[in-house]
Protein backbone atom coordinates (compact mmCIF):
# COMPACT_ATOMS: atom_id res chain seq x y z
CA MET A 1 -8.03 48.01 31.53
CA ASN A 2 -5.63 48.00 28.58
CA LYS A 3 -3.42 45.51 30.42
CA PHE A 4 -6.36 43.10 30.80
CA ILE A 5 -7.20 43.31 27.09
CA LEU A 6 -3.55 42.74 26.14
CA PHE A 7 -3.23 39.86 28.62
CA GLY A 8 -6.49 38.30 27.39
CA ALA A 9 -5.42 38.55 23.73
CA ALA A 10 -2.03 36.98 24.51
CA LEU A 11 -3.66 34.15 26.48
CA LEU A 12 -6.15 33.52 23.68
CA ALA A 13 -3.35 33.42 21.09
CA ILE A 14 -1.37 30.91 23.17
CA VAL A 15 -4.40 28.64 23.61
CA LEU A 16 -5.21 28.72 19.90
CA LEU A 17 -1.63 28.11 18.78
CA LEU A 18 -0.88 25.18 21.09
CA PRO A 19 -1.06 21.82 19.31
CA THR A 20 -3.95 19.66 20.35
CA SER A 21 -4.41 15.94 20.02
CA SER A 22 -7.39 14.72 18.09
CA ALA A 23 -9.20 11.41 18.07
CA GLN A 24 -8.05 10.89 14.49
CA GLU A 25 -4.39 10.88 15.51
CA THR A 26 -4.88 8.17 18.10
CA LYS A 27 -6.73 5.77 15.80
CA PRO A 28 -4.65 3.62 13.47
CA LYS A 29 -4.94 4.53 9.82
CA LYS A 30 -7.12 2.33 7.67
CA SER A 31 -5.19 1.00 4.73
CA SER A 32 -6.64 1.56 1.32
CA ALA A 33 -7.92 -1.25 -0.83
CA PHE A 34 -5.36 -0.28 -3.48
CA LEU A 35 -2.49 -0.70 -1.05
CA ASP A 36 -3.91 -4.00 0.22
CA ASP A 37 -4.10 -5.35 -3.33
CA LEU A 38 -0.63 -4.07 -4.22
CA CYS A 39 1.00 -5.61 -1.15
CA GLU A 40 -0.84 -8.89 -1.81
CA LYS A 41 0.67 -8.94 -5.31
CA CYS A 42 4.09 -8.27 -3.82
CA GLU A 43 3.66 -11.22 -1.46
CA TYR A 44 2.94 -13.38 -4.49
CA CYS A 45 6.25 -12.27 -6.03
CA LYS A 46 8.06 -13.65 -2.99
CA THR A 47 6.50 -17.09 -3.48
CA ASP A 48 6.85 -17.18 -7.29
CA PRO A 49 9.69 -14.84 -8.33
CA GLU A 50 10.09 -16.52 -11.74
CA CYS A 51 6.35 -16.22 -12.53
CA THR A 52 6.02 -19.94 -13.26
CA GLY A 53 2.38 -19.81 -12.12
CA CYS A 54 1.50 -18.31 -15.51
CA LYS A 55 1.85 -21.80 -17.01
CA LEU A 56 -1.28 -22.81 -15.10
CA CYS A 57 -3.48 -19.88 -16.17
CA SER A 58 -5.73 -22.09 -18.29
CA GLN A 59 -6.68 -24.02 -15.14
CA CYS A 60 -7.34 -20.94 -12.97
CA LYS A 61 -10.89 -20.14 -11.92
CA ASN A 62 -9.99 -16.94 -10.05
CA ARG A 63 -6.92 -14.92 -9.03
CA ARG A 64 -7.02 -16.11 -5.44
CA GLN A 65 -5.96 -19.62 -6.42
CA GLU A 66 -2.35 -20.68 -5.92
CA GLY A 67 -0.19 -19.43 -8.80
CA CYS A 68 -3.01 -17.49 -10.48
CA ARG A 69 -2.36 -13.98 -9.17
CA PHE A 70 -1.38 -12.46 -12.53
CA CYS A 71 -3.58 -14.61 -14.80
CA ARG A 72 -6.25 -13.14 -17.05
CA ILE A 73 -8.95 -14.90 -19.02
CA LYS A 74 -7.93 -15.90 -22.58
CA GLU A 75 -4.40 -14.54 -22.25
CA ALA A 76 -1.21 -16.08 -23.59
CA GLU A 77 1.35 -17.34 -21.08
CA ALA A 78 4.00 -14.90 -22.40
CA GLU A 79 1.75 -11.89 -21.69
CA CYS A 80 1.11 -13.12 -18.16
CA VAL A 81 4.83 -13.64 -17.52
CA GLU A 82 5.62 -10.16 -18.88
CA ARG A 83 3.02 -8.51 -16.62
CA CYS A 84 4.10 -10.61 -13.64
CA ASN A 85 7.78 -9.71 -14.08
CA LYS A 86 6.93 -6.03 -14.46
CA GLY A 87 4.79 -6.11 -11.31
CA CYS A 88 7.49 -7.89 -9.35
CA ARG A 89 10.08 -5.29 -10.41
CA ILE A 90 7.78 -2.60 -9.03
CA CYS A 91 7.36 -4.59 -5.83
CA GLY A 92 11.13 -4.68 -5.41
CA GLY A 93 11.16 -0.94 -4.75
CA ASN A 94 14.12 1.35 -5.34
CA ASP A 95 16.59 -0.74 -3.39
CA GLY A 96 15.25 -4.16 -4.38
CA THR A 97 14.16 -5.11 -0.86
CA GLY A 98 10.48 -4.24 -1.26
CA LEU A 99 8.11 -1.29 -1.24
CA ALA A 100 8.34 0.91 1.83
CA SER A 101 4.54 1.13 2.03
CA CYS A 102 4.26 -2.64 2.30
CA LYS A 103 7.14 -2.90 4.78
CA ARG A 104 5.34 -0.56 7.20
CA ARG A 105 2.29 -2.83 7.34
């Protein structure tokens, strides 16, 4: 009888300790809205690395327009260029080739 209890406990421990696959592991991860927005800004930096789009901020109706990604309402061009350059430095990542999070997408 003691052997059965010991065998049962060992079998139960093995079953509980074995890794199991879950449905969450098989589904691809949803990307966050923050990461989507960040990577979109980084794509803009590839098309306008000198931030020349800030010259057109007065003509921008929204940020989705060409060259308007870093524009804000009633902002001077110099402030836009400063923010754009800072954002593009961040997008360069540690090695200057881009953010690892955006590369994996």
